[in-house]
Amino acid sequence: MNMFRGFLLHIGVICSFVCIAAKVLDWYNPYMDFTGHIGSMQLALYFAVIMLAFIKKPQKKFHKKR
């Protein structure tokens, strides 16, 4: 499960960078329509984030030592 979680984290980071780069490129040259061509990257990013939300690790409660 940790390997799958790591894979999803990497997919999310890569897709985020692609989306950010497309937004910046689209800002400098709006006629190329970069954001219109990254629909599959956005879907992969959404899928990765939703799956990470479902398989998140439970929080460990720490106890104070007295």
PDB file of N, CA and C in Angstrom:
ATOM      1  N   MET A   1       0.822  -1.189   0.000  1.00  0.00           N
ATOM      2  CA  MET A   1       0.000   0.000   0.000  1.00  0.00           C
ATOM      3  C   MET A   1       0.870   1.258   0.000  1.00  0.00           C
ATOM      4  N   ASN A   2       2.016   1.201   0.688  1.00  0.00           N
ATOM      5  CA  ASN A   2       2.894   2.366   0.706  1.00  0.00           C
ATOM      6  C   ASN A   2       3.476   2.639  -0.670  1.00  0.00           C
ATOM      7  N   MET A   3       3.737   1.575  -1.447  1.00  0.00           N
ATOM      8  CA  MET A   3       4.275   1.755  -2.785  1.00  0.00           C
ATOM      9  C   MET A   3       3.231   2.416  -3.698  1.00  0.00           C
ATOM     10  N   PHE A   4       1.989   2.015  -3.573  1.00  0.00           N
ATOM     11  CA  PHE A   4       0.907   2.619  -4.354  1.00  0.00           C
ATOM     12  C   PHE A   4       0.705   4.072  -3.964  1.00  0.00           C
ATOM     13  N   ARG A   5       0.800   4.354  -2.664  1.00  0.00           N
ATOM     14  CA  ARG A   5       0.661   5.727  -2.167  1.00  0.00           C
ATOM     15  C   ARG A   5       1.787   6.599  -2.704  1.00  0.00           C
ATOM     16  N   GLY A   6       3.011   6.076  -2.716  1.00  0.00           N
ATOM     17  CA  GLY A   6       4.145   6.814  -3.255  1.00  0.00           C
ATOM     18  C   GLY A   6       3.989   7.078  -4.743  1.00  0.00           C
ATOM     19  N   PHE A   7       3.475   6.068  -5.467  1.00  0.00           N
ATOM     20  CA  PHE A   7       3.220   6.233  -6.898  1.00  0.00           C
ATOM     21  C   PHE A   7       2.200   7.343  -7.133  1.00  0.00           C
ATOM     22  N   LEU A   8       1.130   7.366  -6.353  1.00  0.00           N
ATOM     23  CA  LEU A   8       0.112   8.410  -6.504  1.00  0.00           C
ATOM     24  C   LEU A   8       0.665   9.781  -6.154  1.00  0.00           C
ATOM     25  N   LEU A   9       1.520   9.850  -5.145  1.00  0.00           N
ATOM     26  CA  LEU A   9       2.139  11.133  -4.798  1.00  0.00           C
ATOM     27  C   LEU A   9       2.995  11.650  -5.947  1.00  0.00           C
ATOM     28  N   HIS A  10       3.765  10.772  -6.559  1.00  0.00           N
ATOM     29  CA  HIS A  10       4.603  11.186  -7.685  1.00  0.00           C
ATOM     30  C   HIS A  10       3.752  11.623  -8.878  1.00  0.00           C
ATOM     31  N   ILE A  11       2.700  10.891  -9.160  1.00  0.00           N
ATOM     32  CA  ILE A  11       1.796  11.260 -10.249  1.00  0.00           C
ATOM     33  C   ILE A  11       1.175  12.627  -9.980  1.00  0.00           C
ATOM     34  N   GLY A  12       0.771  12.869  -8.754  1.00  0.00           N
ATOM     35  CA  GLY A  12       0.176  14.157  -8.402  1.00  0.00           C
ATOM     36  C   GLY A  12       1.144  15.311  -8.570  1.00  0.00           C
ATOM     37  N   VAL A  13       2.389  15.113  -8.166  1.00  0.00           N
ATOM     38  CA  VAL A  13       3.387  16.175  -8.291  1.00  0.00           C
ATOM     39  C   VAL A  13       3.697  16.453  -9.759  1.00  0.00           C
ATOM     40  N   ILE A  14       3.869  15.412 -10.548  1.00  0.00           N
ATOM     41  CA  ILE A  14       4.177  15.596 -11.972  1.00  0.00           C
ATOM     42  C   ILE A  14       3.028  16.299 -12.690  1.00  0.00           C
ATOM     43  N   CYS A  15       1.808  15.866 -12.434  1.00  0.00           N
ATOM     44  CA  CYS A  15       0.653  16.489 -13.082  1.00  0.00           C
ATOM     45  C   CYS A  15       0.470  17.933 -12.638  1.00  0.00           C
ATOM     46  N   SER A  16       0.771  18.221 -11.386  1.00  0.00           N
ATOM     47  CA  SER A  16       0.677  19.598 -10.901  1.00  0.00           C
ATOM     48  C   SER A  16       1.674  20.498 -11.607  1.00  0.00           C
ATOM     49  N   PHE A  17       2.915  20.013 -11.771  1.00  0.00           N
ATOM     50  CA  PHE A  17       3.923  20.804 -12.466  1.00  0.00           C
ATOM     51  C   PHE A  17       3.542  21.025 -13.930  1.00  0.00           C
ATOM     52  N   VAL A  18       2.969  20.015 -14.566  1.00  0.00           N
ATOM     53  CA  VAL A  18       2.546  20.166 -15.961  1.00  0.00           C
ATOM     54  C   VAL A  18       1.430  21.201 -16.060  1.00  0.00           C
ATOM     55  N   CYS A  19       0.477  21.160 -15.137  1.00  0.00           N
ATOM     56  CA  CYS A  19      -0.620  22.122 -15.158  1.00  0.00           C
ATOM     57  C   CYS A  19      -0.126  23.540 -14.896  1.00  0.00           C
ATOM     58  N   ILE A  20       0.803  23.695 -13.969  1.00  0.00           N
ATOM     59  CA  ILE A  20       1.363  25.018 -13.682  1.00  0.00           C
ATOM     60  C   ILE A  20       2.144  25.540 -14.886  1.00  0.00           C
ATOM     61  N   ALA A  21       2.950  24.684 -15.499  1.00  0.00           N
ATOM     62  CA  ALA A  21       3.718  25.102 -16.678  1.00  0.00           C
ATOM     63  C   ALA A  21       2.788  25.498 -17.826  1.00  0.00           C
ATOM     64  N   ALA A  22       1.701  24.749 -18.011  1.00  0.00           N
ATOM     65  CA  ALA A  22       0.752  25.076 -19.076  1.00  0.00           C
ATOM     66  C   ALA A  22       0.072  26.413 -18.802  1.00  0.00           C
ATOM     67  N   LYS A  23      -0.257  26.685 -17.543  1.00  0.00           N
ATOM     68  CA  LYS A  23      -0.873  27.972 -17.199  1.00  0.00           C
ATOM     69  C   LYS A  23       0.087  29.126 -17.477  1.00  0.00           C
ATOM     70  N   VAL A  24       1.359  28.948 -17.114  1.00  0.00           N
ATOM     71  CA  VAL A  24       2.350  30.003 -17.347  1.00  0.00           C
ATOM     72  C   VAL A  24       2.543  30.209 -18.848  1.00  0.00           C
ATOM     73  N   LEU A  25       2.693  29.124 -19.599  1.00  0.00           N
ATOM     74  CA  LEU A  25       2.855  29.245 -21.045  1.00  0.00           C
ATOM     75  C   LEU A  25       1.623  29.859 -21.699  1.00  0.00           C
ATOM     76  N   ASP A  26       0.455  29.518 -21.202  1.00  0.00           N
ATOM     77  CA  ASP A  26      -0.781  30.081 -21.738  1.00  0.00           C
ATOM     78  C   ASP A  26      -0.893  31.568 -21.407  1.00  0.00           C
ATOM     79  N   TRP A  27      -0.333  31.969 -20.285  1.00  0.00           N
ATOM     80  CA  TRP A  27      -0.352  33.380 -19.903  1.00  0.00           C
ATOM     81  C   TRP A  27       0.535  34.196 -20.850  1.00  0.00           C
ATOM     82  N   TYR A  28       1.686  33.646 -21.227  1.00  0.00           N
ATOM     83  CA  TYR A  28       2.587  34.348 -22.126  1.00  0.00           C
ATOM     84  C   TYR A  28       2.127  34.277 -23.582  1.00  0.00           C
ATOM     85  N   ASN A  29       1.501  33.206 -23.994  1.00  0.00           N
ATOM     86  CA  ASN A  29       1.065  33.033 -25.371  1.00  0.00           C
ATOM     87  C   ASN A  29      -0.328  32.408 -25.384  1.00  0.00           C
ATOM     88  N   PRO A  30      -1.369  33.203 -25.206  1.00  0.00           N
ATOM     89  CA  PRO A  30      -2.721  32.647 -25.097  1.00  0.00           C
ATOM     90  C   PRO A  30      -3.256  32.023 -26.390  1.00  0.00           C
ATOM     91  N   TYR A  31      -2.658  32.334 -27.521  1.00  0.00           N
ATOM     92  CA  TYR A  31      -3.166  31.786 -28.786  1.00  0.00           C
ATOM     93  C   TYR A  31      -2.798  30.320 -28.996  1.00  0.00           C
ATOM     94  N   MET A  32      -1.838  29.802 -28.247  1.00  0.00           N
ATOM     95  CA  MET A  32      -1.443  28.393 -28.384  1.00  0.00           C
ATOM     96  C   MET A  32      -2.391  27.458 -27.643  1.00  0.00           C
ATOM     97  N   ASP A  33      -3.147  27.966 -26.681  1.00  0.00           N
ATOM     98  CA  ASP A  33      -4.149  27.199 -25.925  1.00  0.00           C
ATOM     99  C   ASP A  33      -3.543  25.960 -25.258  1.00  0.00           C
ATOM    100  N   PHE A  34      -2.528  26.185 -24.432  1.00  0.00           N
ATOM    101  CA  PHE A  34      -1.887  25.084 -23.728  1.00  0.00           C
ATOM    102  C   PHE A  34      -2.826  24.439 -22.710  1.00  0.00           C
ATOM    103  N   THR A  35      -3.637  25.252 -22.035  1.00  0.00           N
ATOM    104  CA  THR A  35      -4.520  24.693 -21.011  1.00  0.00           C
ATOM    105  C   THR A  35      -5.636  23.848 -21.621  1.00  0.00           C
ATOM    106  N   GLY A  36      -5.929  24.045 -22.890  1.00  0.00           N
ATOM    107  CA  GLY A  36      -6.939  23.227 -23.558  1.00  0.00           C
ATOM    108  C   GLY A  36      -6.427  21.845 -23.941  1.00  0.00           C
ATOM    109  N   HIS A  37      -5.110  21.646 -23.909  1.00  0.00           N
ATOM    110  CA  HIS A  37      -4.520  20.385 -24.335  1.00  0.00           C
ATOM    111  C   HIS A  37      -4.038  19.502 -23.188  1.00  0.00           C
ATOM    112  N   ILE A  38      -4.321  19.896 -21.956  1.00  0.00           N
ATOM    113  CA  ILE A  38      -3.838  19.097 -20.823  1.00  0.00           C
ATOM    114  C   ILE A  38      -4.992  18.473 -20.043  1.00  0.00           C
ATOM    115  N   GLY A  39      -6.075  18.203 -20.704  1.00  0.00           N
ATOM    116  CA  GLY A  39      -7.250  17.620 -20.038  1.00  0.00           C
ATOM    117  C   GLY A  39      -6.953  16.274 -19.402  1.00  0.00           C
ATOM    118  N   SER A  40      -6.150  15.455 -20.075  1.00  0.00           N
ATOM    119  CA  SER A  40      -5.831  14.138 -19.509  1.00  0.00           C
ATOM    120  C   SER A  40      -4.949  14.271 -18.267  1.00  0.00           C
ATOM    121  N   MET A  41      -4.060  15.260 -18.259  1.00  0.00           N
ATOM    122  CA  MET A  41      -3.218  15.491 -17.079  1.00  0.00           C
ATOM    123  C   MET A  41      -4.067  15.936 -15.892  1.00  0.00           C
ATOM    124  N   GLN A  42      -5.042  16.785 -16.164  1.00  0.00           N
ATOM    125  CA  GLN A  42      -5.921  17.237 -15.093  1.00  0.00           C
ATOM    126  C   GLN A  42      -6.748  16.087 -14.535  1.00  0.00           C
ATOM    127  N   LEU A  43      -7.234  15.219 -15.399  1.00  0.00           N
ATOM    128  CA  LEU A  43      -7.999  14.059 -14.924  1.00  0.00           C
ATOM    129  C   LEU A  43      -7.123  13.128 -14.087  1.00  0.00           C
ATOM    130  N   ALA A  44      -5.875  12.919 -14.504  1.00  0.00           N
ATOM    131  CA  ALA A  44      -4.959  12.085 -13.730  1.00  0.00           C
ATOM    132  C   ALA A  44      -4.670  12.717 -12.374  1.00  0.00           C
ATOM    133  N   LEU A  45      -4.520  14.033 -12.352  1.00  0.00           N
ATOM    134  CA  LEU A  45      -4.284  14.734 -11.088  1.00  0.00           C
ATOM    135  C   LEU A  45      -5.484  14.594 -10.157  1.00  0.00           C
ATOM    136  N   TYR A  46      -6.681  14.772 -10.678  1.00  0.00           N
ATOM    137  CA  TYR A  46      -7.887  14.633  -9.859  1.00  0.00           C
ATOM    138  C   TYR A  46      -8.016  13.219  -9.307  1.00  0.00           C
ATOM    139  N   PHE A  47      -7.759  12.226 -10.158  1.00  0.00           N
ATOM    140  CA  PHE A  47      -7.830  10.832  -9.728  1.00  0.00           C
ATOM    141  C   PHE A  47      -6.810  10.553  -8.623  1.00  0.00           C
ATOM    142  N   ALA A  48      -5.578  11.039  -8.801  1.00  0.00           N
ATOM    143  CA  ALA A  48      -4.528  10.793  -7.804  1.00  0.00           C
ATOM    144  C   ALA A  48      -4.878  11.430  -6.468  1.00  0.00           C
ATOM    145  N   VAL A  49      -5.396  12.635  -6.502  1.00  0.00           N
ATOM    146  CA  VAL A  49      -5.737  13.327  -5.245  1.00  0.00           C
ATOM    147  C   VAL A  49      -6.894  12.633  -4.535  1.00  0.00           C
ATOM    148  N   ILE A  50      -7.895  12.221  -5.283  1.00  0.00           N
ATOM    149  CA  ILE A  50      -9.043  11.547  -4.668  1.00  0.00           C
ATOM    150  C   ILE A  50      -8.625  10.202  -4.080  1.00  0.00           C
ATOM    151  N   MET A  51      -7.807   9.451  -4.808  1.00  0.00           N
ATOM    152  CA  MET A  51      -7.330   8.164  -4.295  1.00  0.00           C
ATOM    153  C   MET A  51      -6.457   8.353  -3.058  1.00  0.00           C
ATOM    154  N   LEU A  52      -5.627   9.386  -3.030  1.00  0.00           N
ATOM    155  CA  LEU A  52      -4.803   9.654  -1.846  1.00  0.00           C
ATOM    156  C   LEU A  52      -5.676   9.983  -0.637  1.00  0.00           C
ATOM    157  N   ALA A  53      -6.785  10.655  -0.885  1.00  0.00           N
ATOM    158  CA  ALA A  53      -7.691  10.981   0.219  1.00  0.00           C
ATOM    159  C   ALA A  53      -8.312   9.711   0.808  1.00  0.00           C
ATOM    160  N   PHE A  54      -8.571   8.712  -0.039  1.00  0.00           N
ATOM    161  CA  PHE A  54      -9.182   7.475   0.440  1.00  0.00           C
ATOM    162  C   PHE A  54      -8.185   6.556   1.142  1.00  0.00           C
ATOM    163  N   ILE A  55      -6.913   6.603   0.777  1.00  0.00           N
ATOM    164  CA  ILE A  55      -5.947   5.672   1.360  1.00  0.00           C
ATOM    165  C   ILE A  55      -4.958   6.368   2.291  1.00  0.00           C
ATOM    166  N   LYS A  56      -5.369   7.497   2.843  1.00  0.00           N
ATOM    167  CA  LYS A  56      -4.446   8.204   3.730  1.00  0.00           C
ATOM    168  C   LYS A  56      -4.150   7.366   4.969  1.00  0.00           C
ATOM    169  N   LYS A  57      -2.982   7.571   5.526  1.00  0.00           N
ATOM    170  CA  LYS A  57      -2.582   6.831   6.719  1.00  0.00           C
ATOM    171  C   LYS A  57      -3.304   7.400   7.939  1.00  0.00           C
ATOM    172  N   PRO A  58      -3.700   6.548   8.858  1.00  0.00           N
ATOM    173  CA  PRO A  58      -4.343   7.061  10.066  1.00  0.00           C
ATOM    174  C   PRO A  58      -3.336   7.829  10.924  1.00  0.00           C
ATOM    175  N   GLN A  59      -3.807   8.880  11.543  1.00  0.00           N
ATOM    176  CA  GLN A  59      -2.957   9.692  12.399  1.00  0.00           C
ATOM    177  C   GLN A  59      -2.649   8.936  13.684  1.00  0.00           C
ATOM    178  N   LYS A  60      -1.398   8.936  14.073  1.00  0.00           N
ATOM    179  CA  LYS A  60      -1.027   8.330  15.344  1.00  0.00           C
ATOM    180  C   LYS A  60      -1.189   9.360  16.442  1.00  0.00           C
ATOM    181  N   LYS A  61      -1.838   8.965  17.489  1.00  0.00           N
ATOM    182  CA  LYS A  61      -2.010   9.859  18.615  1.00  0.00           C
ATOM    183  C   LYS A  61      -0.792   9.716  19.514  1.00  0.00           C
ATOM    184  N   PHE A  62      -0.179  10.831  19.820  1.00  0.00           N
ATOM    185  CA  PHE A  62       0.991  10.759  20.681  1.00  0.00           C
ATOM    186  C   PHE A  62       0.562  11.138  22.100  1.00  0.00           C
ATOM    187  N   HIS A  63       1.191  10.496  23.034  1.00  0.00           N
ATOM    188  CA  HIS A  63       0.889  10.743  24.430  1.00  0.00           C
ATOM    189  C   HIS A  63       2.049  11.496  25.062  1.00  0.00           C
ATOM    190  N   LYS A  64       1.695  12.440  25.892  1.00  0.00           N
ATOM    191  CA  LYS A  64       2.728  13.194  26.595  1.00  0.00           C
ATOM    192  C   LYS A  64       3.288  12.342  27.714  1.00  0.00           C
ATOM    193  N   LYS A  65       4.582  12.380  27.834  1.00  0.00           N
ATOM    194  CA  LYS A  65       5.200  11.681  28.965  1.00  0.00           C
ATOM    195  C   LYS A  65       5.264  12.626  30.141  1.00  0.00           C
ATOM    196  N   ARG A  66       4.937  12.096  31.289  1.00  0.00           N
ATOM    197  CA  ARG A  66       4.952  12.951  32.478  1.00  0.00           C
ATOM    198  C   ARG A  66       6.208  12.752  33.262  1.00  0.00           C
TER     199      ARG A  66
END
